[in-house]
């Protein structure tokens, strides 16, 4: 596997995961009540606990996005 293939792989992974990150943020920002109502039927929790869980998930996903998608793509772009 050459560097061009690896760079293209990380580019598309970054695009897809970045779009998913933006989508999850937008859903939590603009449809938070709907998401809370849906999840509270399955997992009974307070709204504060749900907010902490949702924003912790988005924050962790953002860190994983940077470390495992964007940084390898930038490194491959610099090398190749």
PDB file of N, CA and C in Angstrom:
ATOM      1  N   UNK A   1       0.847  -1.167   0.000  1.00  0.00           N
ATOM      2  CA  UNK A   1       0.000   0.000   0.000  1.00  0.00           C
ATOM      3  C   UNK A   1       0.900   1.239   0.000  1.00  0.00           C
ATOM      4  N   UNK A   2       0.666   2.118  -0.944  1.00  0.00           N
ATOM      5  CA  UNK A   2       1.515   3.296  -1.044  1.00  0.00           C
ATOM      6  C   UNK A   2       0.917   4.471  -0.262  1.00  0.00           C
ATOM      7  N   UNK A   3       1.703   5.556  -0.165  1.00  0.00           N
ATOM      8  CA  UNK A   3       1.304   6.703   0.648  1.00  0.00           C
ATOM      9  C   UNK A   3       0.084   7.414   0.074  1.00  0.00           C
ATOM     10  N   UNK A   4      -0.077   7.361  -1.235  1.00  0.00           N
ATOM     11  CA  UNK A   4      -1.228   8.019  -1.862  1.00  0.00           C
ATOM     12  C   UNK A   4      -2.528   7.330  -1.443  1.00  0.00           C
ATOM     13  N   UNK A   5      -2.514   6.013  -1.396  1.00  0.00           N
ATOM     14  CA  UNK A   5      -3.688   5.264  -0.966  1.00  0.00           C
ATOM     15  C   UNK A   5      -3.999   5.523   0.505  1.00  0.00           C
ATOM     16  N   UNK A   6      -2.974   5.534   1.332  1.00  0.00           N
ATOM     17  CA  UNK A   6      -3.167   5.791   2.765  1.00  0.00           C
ATOM     18  C   UNK A   6      -3.700   7.206   2.980  1.00  0.00           C
ATOM     19  N   UNK A   7      -3.147   8.177   2.240  1.00  0.00           N
ATOM     20  CA  UNK A   7      -3.614   9.553   2.368  1.00  0.00           C
ATOM     21  C   UNK A   7      -5.068   9.679   1.934  1.00  0.00           C
ATOM     22  N   UNK A   8      -5.440   9.020   0.843  1.00  0.00           N
ATOM     23  CA  UNK A   8      -6.837   9.048   0.387  1.00  0.00           C
ATOM     24  C   UNK A   8      -7.754   8.385   1.410  1.00  0.00           C
ATOM     25  N   UNK A   9      -7.303   7.290   2.007  1.00  0.00           N
ATOM     26  CA  UNK A   9      -8.094   6.619   3.039  1.00  0.00           C
ATOM     27  C   UNK A   9      -8.368   7.549   4.216  1.00  0.00           C
ATOM     28  N   UNK A  10      -7.310   8.180   4.735  1.00  0.00           N
ATOM     29  CA  UNK A  10      -7.491   9.076   5.872  1.00  0.00           C
ATOM     30  C   UNK A  10      -8.274  10.331   5.499  1.00  0.00           C
ATOM     31  N   UNK A  11      -8.177  10.773   4.263  1.00  0.00           N
ATOM     32  CA  UNK A  11      -8.958  11.916   3.826  1.00  0.00           C
ATOM     33  C   UNK A  11     -10.447  11.594   3.884  1.00  0.00           C
ATOM     34  N   UNK A  12     -10.821  10.438   3.317  1.00  0.00           N
ATOM     35  CA  UNK A  12     -12.244  10.074   3.319  1.00  0.00           C
ATOM     36  C   UNK A  12     -12.737   9.738   4.715  1.00  0.00           C
ATOM     37  N   UNK A  13     -11.903   9.123   5.535  1.00  0.00           N
ATOM     38  CA  UNK A  13     -12.281   8.882   6.937  1.00  0.00           C
ATOM     39  C   UNK A  13     -12.512  10.201   7.657  1.00  0.00           C
ATOM     40  N   UNK A  14     -11.656  11.183   7.406  1.00  0.00           N
ATOM     41  CA  UNK A  14     -11.815  12.492   8.033  1.00  0.00           C
ATOM     42  C   UNK A  14     -13.087  13.179   7.567  1.00  0.00           C
ATOM     43  N   UNK A  15     -13.390  13.084   6.290  1.00  0.00           N
ATOM     44  CA  UNK A  15     -14.608  13.707   5.758  1.00  0.00           C
ATOM     45  C   UNK A  15     -15.844  13.072   6.366  1.00  0.00           C
ATOM     46  N   UNK A  16     -15.924  11.746   6.355  1.00  0.00           N
ATOM     47  CA  UNK A  16     -17.105  11.055   6.887  1.00  0.00           C
ATOM     48  C   UNK A  16     -17.269  11.279   8.392  1.00  0.00           C
ATOM     49  N   UNK A  17     -16.177  11.125   9.141  1.00  0.00           N
ATOM     50  CA  UNK A  17     -16.266  11.290  10.586  1.00  0.00           C
ATOM     51  C   UNK A  17     -16.484  12.745  10.985  1.00  0.00           C
ATOM     52  N   UNK A  18     -15.925  13.677  10.229  1.00  0.00           N
ATOM     53  CA  UNK A  18     -16.189  15.091  10.496  1.00  0.00           C
ATOM     54  C   UNK A  18     -17.646  15.432  10.248  1.00  0.00           C
ATOM     55  N   UNK A  19     -18.216  14.896   9.171  1.00  0.00           N
ATOM     56  CA  UNK A  19     -19.636  15.126   8.896  1.00  0.00           C
ATOM     57  C   UNK A  19     -20.506  14.513   9.990  1.00  0.00           C
ATOM     58  N   UNK A  20     -20.148  13.329  10.467  1.00  0.00           N
ATOM     59  CA  UNK A  20     -20.894  12.696  11.549  1.00  0.00           C
ATOM     60  C   UNK A  20     -20.782  13.490  12.849  1.00  0.00           C
ATOM     61  N   UNK A  21     -19.614  14.046  13.111  1.00  0.00           N
ATOM     62  CA  UNK A  21     -19.420  14.880  14.295  1.00  0.00           C
ATOM     63  C   UNK A  21     -20.278  16.136  14.220  1.00  0.00           C
ATOM     64  N   UNK A  22     -20.294  16.790  13.080  1.00  0.00           N
ATOM     65  CA  UNK A  22     -21.116  17.987  12.906  1.00  0.00           C
ATOM     66  C   UNK A  22     -22.594  17.640  13.014  1.00  0.00           C
ATOM     67  N   UNK A  23     -23.003  16.542  12.398  1.00  0.00           N
ATOM     68  CA  UNK A  23     -24.398  16.120  12.463  1.00  0.00           C
ATOM     69  C   UNK A  23     -24.829  15.820  13.894  1.00  0.00           C
ATOM     70  N   UNK A  24     -23.993  15.119  14.654  1.00  0.00           N
ATOM     71  CA  UNK A  24     -24.363  14.800  16.035  1.00  0.00           C
ATOM     72  C   UNK A  24     -24.439  16.064  16.882  1.00  0.00           C
ATOM     73  N   UNK A  25     -23.559  17.029  16.634  1.00  0.00           N
ATOM     74  CA  UNK A  25     -23.643  18.289  17.361  1.00  0.00           C
ATOM     75  C   UNK A  25     -24.930  19.030  17.009  1.00  0.00           C
ATOM     76  N   UNK A  26     -25.260  19.096  15.736  1.00  0.00           N
ATOM     77  CA  UNK A  26     -26.469  19.804  15.314  1.00  0.00           C
ATOM     78  C   UNK A  26     -27.732  19.147  15.869  1.00  0.00           C
ATOM     79  N   UNK A  27     -27.755  17.835  15.884  1.00  0.00           N
ATOM     80  CA  UNK A  27     -28.919  17.131  16.441  1.00  0.00           C
ATOM     81  C   UNK A  27     -29.055  17.424  17.928  1.00  0.00           C
ATOM     82  N   UNK A  28     -27.954  17.377  18.661  1.00  0.00           N
ATOM     83  CA  UNK A  28     -28.038  17.666  20.092  1.00  0.00           C
ATOM     84  C   UNK A  28     -28.341  19.136  20.357  1.00  0.00           C
ATOM     85  N   UNK A  29     -27.878  20.027  19.493  1.00  0.00           N
ATOM     86  CA  UNK A  29     -28.109  21.450  19.706  1.00  0.00           C
ATOM     87  C   UNK A  29     -29.536  21.859  19.365  1.00  0.00           C
ATOM     88  N   UNK A  30     -30.091  21.316  18.283  1.00  0.00           N
ATOM     89  CA  UNK A  30     -31.389  21.789  17.814  1.00  0.00           C
ATOM     90  C   UNK A  30     -32.544  20.817  18.067  1.00  0.00           C
ATOM     91  N   UNK A  31     -32.248  19.564  18.335  1.00  0.00           N
ATOM     92  CA  UNK A  31     -33.313  18.596  18.615  1.00  0.00           C
ATOM     93  C   UNK A  31     -33.019  17.844  19.907  1.00  0.00           C
ATOM     94  N   UNK A  32     -32.442  18.556  20.873  1.00  0.00           N
ATOM     95  CA  UNK A  32     -32.068  17.918  22.134  1.00  0.00           C
ATOM     96  C   UNK A  32     -33.239  17.357  22.906  1.00  0.00           C
ATOM     97  N   UNK A  33     -34.381  18.057  22.855  1.00  0.00           N
ATOM     98  CA  UNK A  33     -35.561  17.562  23.571  1.00  0.00           C
ATOM     99  C   UNK A  33     -36.067  16.253  22.988  1.00  0.00           C
ATOM    100  N   UNK A  34     -36.075  16.155  21.669  1.00  0.00           N
ATOM    101  CA  UNK A  34     -36.518  14.922  21.011  1.00  0.00           C
ATOM    102  C   UNK A  34     -35.580  13.769  21.337  1.00  0.00           C
ATOM    103  N   UNK A  35     -34.299  14.026  21.310  1.00  0.00           N
ATOM    104  CA  UNK A  35     -33.316  12.981  21.625  1.00  0.00           C
ATOM    105  C   UNK A  35     -33.449  12.565  23.086  1.00  0.00           C
ATOM    106  N   UNK A  36     -33.645  13.547  23.966  1.00  0.00           N
ATOM    107  CA  UNK A  36     -33.814  13.220  25.390  1.00  0.00           C
ATOM    108  C   UNK A  36     -35.066  12.389  25.624  1.00  0.00           C
ATOM    109  N   UNK A  37     -36.173  12.771  25.016  1.00  0.00           N
ATOM    110  CA  UNK A  37     -37.418  12.018  25.203  1.00  0.00           C
ATOM    111  C   UNK A  37     -37.278  10.584  24.706  1.00  0.00           C
ATOM    112  N   UNK A  38     -36.606  10.417  23.580  1.00  0.00           N
ATOM    113  CA  UNK A  38     -36.407   9.071  23.030  1.00  0.00           C
ATOM    114  C   UNK A  38     -35.533   8.227  23.951  1.00  0.00           C
ATOM    115  N   UNK A  39     -34.427   8.794  24.407  1.00  0.00           N
ATOM    116  CA  UNK A  39     -33.506   8.023  25.232  1.00  0.00           C
ATOM    117  C   UNK A  39     -34.017   7.825  26.655  1.00  0.00           C
ATOM    118  N   UNK A  40     -34.796   8.775  27.163  1.00  0.00           N
ATOM    119  CA  UNK A  40     -35.274   8.613  28.534  1.00  0.00           C
ATOM    120  C   UNK A  40     -36.318   7.506  28.648  1.00  0.00           C
ATOM    121  N   UNK A  41     -36.933   7.124  27.538  1.00  0.00           N
ATOM    122  CA  UNK A  41     -37.839   5.975  27.567  1.00  0.00           C
ATOM    123  C   UNK A  41     -37.059   4.674  27.734  1.00  0.00           C
ATOM    124  N   UNK A  42     -35.884   4.614  27.151  1.00  0.00           N
ATOM    125  CA  UNK A  42     -35.059   3.408  27.238  1.00  0.00           C
ATOM    126  C   UNK A  42     -34.198   3.393  28.499  1.00  0.00           C
ATOM    127  N   UNK A  43     -33.625   4.554  28.823  1.00  0.00           N
ATOM    128  CA  UNK A  43     -32.725   4.669  29.959  1.00  0.00           C
ATOM    129  C   UNK A  43     -33.197   5.809  30.845  1.00  0.00           C
ATOM    130  N   UNK A  44     -33.903   5.515  31.922  1.00  0.00           N
ATOM    131  CA  UNK A  44     -34.406   6.600  32.769  1.00  0.00           C
ATOM    132  C   UNK A  44     -33.257   7.378  33.414  1.00  0.00           C
ATOM    133  N   UNK A  45     -33.215   8.686  33.120  1.00  0.00           N
ATOM    134  CA  UNK A  45     -32.183   9.563  33.676  1.00  0.00           C
ATOM    135  C   UNK A  45     -32.705  10.987  33.668  1.00  0.00           C
ATOM    136  N   UNK A  46     -32.087  11.809  34.475  1.00  0.00           N
ATOM    137  CA  UNK A  46     -32.492  13.214  34.511  1.00  0.00           C
ATOM    138  C   UNK A  46     -31.953  13.937  33.280  1.00  0.00           C
ATOM    139  N   UNK A  47     -32.503  15.100  33.023  1.00  0.00           N
ATOM    140  CA  UNK A  47     -32.060  15.886  31.869  1.00  0.00           C
ATOM    141  C   UNK A  47     -30.611  16.335  32.044  1.00  0.00           C
ATOM    142  N   UNK A  48     -30.220  16.665  33.262  1.00  0.00           N
ATOM    143  CA  UNK A  48     -28.837  17.065  33.512  1.00  0.00           C
ATOM    144  C   UNK A  48     -27.860  15.921  33.237  1.00  0.00           C
ATOM    145  N   UNK A  49     -28.224  14.720  33.662  1.00  0.00           N
ATOM    146  CA  UNK A  49     -27.367  13.563  33.405  1.00  0.00           C
ATOM    147  C   UNK A  49     -27.290  13.273  31.903  1.00  0.00           C
ATOM    148  N   UNK A  50     -28.394  13.454  31.213  1.00  0.00           N
ATOM    149  CA  UNK A  50     -28.391  13.255  29.765  1.00  0.00           C
ATOM    150  C   UNK A  50     -27.491  14.280  29.077  1.00  0.00           C
ATOM    151  N   UNK A  51     -27.571  15.536  29.496  1.00  0.00           N
ATOM    152  CA  UNK A  51     -26.720  16.563  28.897  1.00  0.00           C
ATOM    153  C   UNK A  51     -25.243  16.262  29.109  1.00  0.00           C
ATOM    154  N   UNK A  52     -24.899  15.820  30.313  1.00  0.00           N
ATOM    155  CA  UNK A  52     -23.504  15.468  30.592  1.00  0.00           C
ATOM    156  C   UNK A  52     -23.068  14.308  29.713  1.00  0.00           C
ATOM    157  N   UNK A  53     -23.901  13.289  29.582  1.00  0.00           N
ATOM    158  CA  UNK A  53     -23.552  12.125  28.760  1.00  0.00           C
ATOM    159  C   UNK A  53     -23.432  12.506  27.291  1.00  0.00           C
ATOM    160  N   UNK A  54     -24.366  13.304  26.796  1.00  0.00           N
ATOM    161  CA  UNK A  54     -24.358  13.667  25.375  1.00  0.00           C
ATOM    162  C   UNK A  54     -23.141  14.520  25.033  1.00  0.00           C
ATOM    163  N   UNK A  55     -22.866  15.528  25.835  1.00  0.00           N
ATOM    164  CA  UNK A  55     -21.737  16.405  25.536  1.00  0.00           C
ATOM    165  C   UNK A  55     -20.402  15.723  25.818  1.00  0.00           C
ATOM    166  N   UNK A  56     -20.371  14.802  26.761  1.00  0.00           N
ATOM    167  CA  UNK A  56     -19.147  14.020  26.970  1.00  0.00           C
ATOM    168  C   UNK A  56     -18.875  13.126  25.765  1.00  0.00           C
ATOM    169  N   UNK A  57     -19.930  12.521  25.222  1.00  0.00           N
ATOM    170  CA  UNK A  57     -19.772  11.688  24.036  1.00  0.00           C
ATOM    171  C   UNK A  57     -19.260  12.509  22.855  1.00  0.00           C
ATOM    172  N   UNK A  58     -19.839  13.682  22.646  1.00  0.00           N
ATOM    173  CA  UNK A  58     -19.402  14.524  21.522  1.00  0.00           C
ATOM    174  C   UNK A  58     -17.953  14.969  21.727  1.00  0.00           C
ATOM    175  N   UNK A  59     -17.593  15.316  22.948  1.00  0.00           N
ATOM    176  CA  UNK A  59     -16.216  15.712  23.226  1.00  0.00           C
ATOM    177  C   UNK A  59     -15.229  14.584  23.012  1.00  0.00           C
ATOM    178  N   UNK A  60     -15.573  13.399  23.475  1.00  0.00           N
ATOM    179  CA  UNK A  60     -14.698  12.242  23.272  1.00  0.00           C
ATOM    180  C   UNK A  60     -14.589  11.880  21.801  1.00  0.00           C
ATOM    181  N   UNK A  61     -15.719  11.976  21.087  1.00  0.00           N
ATOM    182  CA  UNK A  61     -15.703  11.699  19.653  1.00  0.00           C
ATOM    183  C   UNK A  61     -14.826  12.701  18.918  1.00  0.00           C
ATOM    184  N   UNK A  62     -14.850  13.957  19.350  1.00  0.00           N
ATOM    185  CA  UNK A  62     -14.025  14.980  18.729  1.00  0.00           C
ATOM    186  C   UNK A  62     -12.537  14.682  18.949  1.00  0.00           C
ATOM    187  N   UNK A  63     -12.182  14.265  20.151  1.00  0.00           N
ATOM    188  CA  UNK A  63     -10.785  13.913  20.429  1.00  0.00           C
ATOM    189  C   UNK A  63     -10.355  12.731  19.570  1.00  0.00           C
ATOM    190  N   UNK A  64     -11.190  11.695  19.490  1.00  0.00           N
ATOM    191  CA  UNK A  64     -10.869  10.543  18.640  1.00  0.00           C
ATOM    192  C   UNK A  64     -10.768  10.943  17.176  1.00  0.00           C
ATOM    193  N   UNK A  65     -11.627  11.840  16.730  1.00  0.00           N
ATOM    194  CA  UNK A  65     -11.584  12.330  15.354  1.00  0.00           C
ATOM    195  C   UNK A  65     -10.244  13.001  15.062  1.00  0.00           C
ATOM    196  N   UNK A  66      -9.807  13.854  15.963  1.00  0.00           N
ATOM    197  CA  UNK A  66      -8.535  14.539  15.764  1.00  0.00           C
ATOM    198  C   UNK A  66      -7.360  13.556  15.775  1.00  0.00           C
ATOM    199  N   UNK A  67      -7.351  12.659  16.759  1.00  0.00           N
ATOM    200  CA  UNK A  67      -6.190  11.777  16.945  1.00  0.00           C
ATOM    201  C   UNK A  67      -6.114  10.685  15.879  1.00  0.00           C
ATOM    202  N   UNK A  68      -7.243  10.072  15.532  1.00  0.00           N
ATOM    203  CA  UNK A  68      -7.209   8.898  14.666  1.00  0.00           C
ATOM    204  C   UNK A  68      -7.584   9.168  13.210  1.00  0.00           C
ATOM    205  N   UNK A  69      -8.079  10.365  12.883  1.00  0.00           N
ATOM    206  CA  UNK A  69      -8.428  10.670  11.495  1.00  0.00           C
ATOM    207  C   UNK A  69      -7.670  11.866  10.952  1.00  0.00           C
ATOM    208  N   UNK A  70      -7.790  12.983  11.617  1.00  0.00           N
ATOM    209  CA  UNK A  70      -7.247  14.216  11.067  1.00  0.00           C
ATOM    210  C   UNK A  70      -5.724  14.287  11.168  1.00  0.00           C
ATOM    211  N   UNK A  71      -5.160  13.932  12.291  1.00  0.00           N
ATOM    212  CA  UNK A  71      -3.700  13.982  12.437  1.00  0.00           C
ATOM    213  C   UNK A  71      -2.978  12.997  11.505  1.00  0.00           C
ATOM    214  N   UNK A  72      -3.461  11.750  11.360  1.00  0.00           N
ATOM    215  CA  UNK A  72      -2.800  10.879  10.384  1.00  0.00           C
ATOM    216  C   UNK A  72      -2.910  11.408   8.946  1.00  0.00           C
ATOM    217  N   UNK A  73      -4.051  12.029   8.612  1.00  0.00           N
ATOM    218  CA  UNK A  73      -4.181  12.606   7.276  1.00  0.00           C
ATOM    219  C   UNK A  73      -3.199  13.742   7.070  1.00  0.00           C
ATOM    220  N   UNK A  74      -3.058  14.607   8.063  1.00  0.00           N
ATOM    221  CA  UNK A  74      -2.112  15.713   7.942  1.00  0.00           C
ATOM    222  C   UNK A  74      -0.678  15.190   7.849  1.00  0.00           C
ATOM    223  N   UNK A  75      -0.359  14.162   8.629  1.00  0.00           N
ATOM    224  CA  UNK A  75       0.977  13.581   8.566  1.00  0.00           C
ATOM    225  C   UNK A  75       1.241  12.964   7.186  1.00  0.00           C
ATOM    226  N   UNK A  76       0.266  12.280   6.628  1.00  0.00           N
ATOM    227  CA  UNK A  76       0.445  11.702   5.290  1.00  0.00           C
ATOM    228  C   UNK A  76       0.540  12.786   4.219  1.00  0.00           C
ATOM    229  N   UNK A  77      -0.191  13.874   4.399  1.00  0.00           N
ATOM    230  CA  UNK A  77      -0.117  14.973   3.443  1.00  0.00           C
ATOM    231  C   UNK A  77       1.252  15.650   3.493  1.00  0.00           C
ATOM    232  N   UNK A  78       1.828  15.759   4.678  1.00  0.00           N
ATOM    233  CA  UNK A  78       3.149  16.381   4.813  1.00  0.00           C
ATOM    234  C   UNK A  78       4.225  15.464   4.223  1.00  0.00           C
ATOM    235  N   UNK A  79       4.117  14.179   4.493  1.00  0.00           N
ATOM    236  CA  UNK A  79       5.118  13.220   4.003  1.00  0.00           C
ATOM    237  C   UNK A  79       5.047  13.070   2.489  1.00  0.00           C
ATOM    238  N   UNK A  80       3.830  12.903   1.972  1.00  0.00           N
ATOM    239  CA  UNK A  80       3.661  12.584   0.554  1.00  0.00           C
ATOM    240  C   UNK A  80       3.530  13.807  -0.273  1.00  0.00           C
TER     241      UNK A  80
END
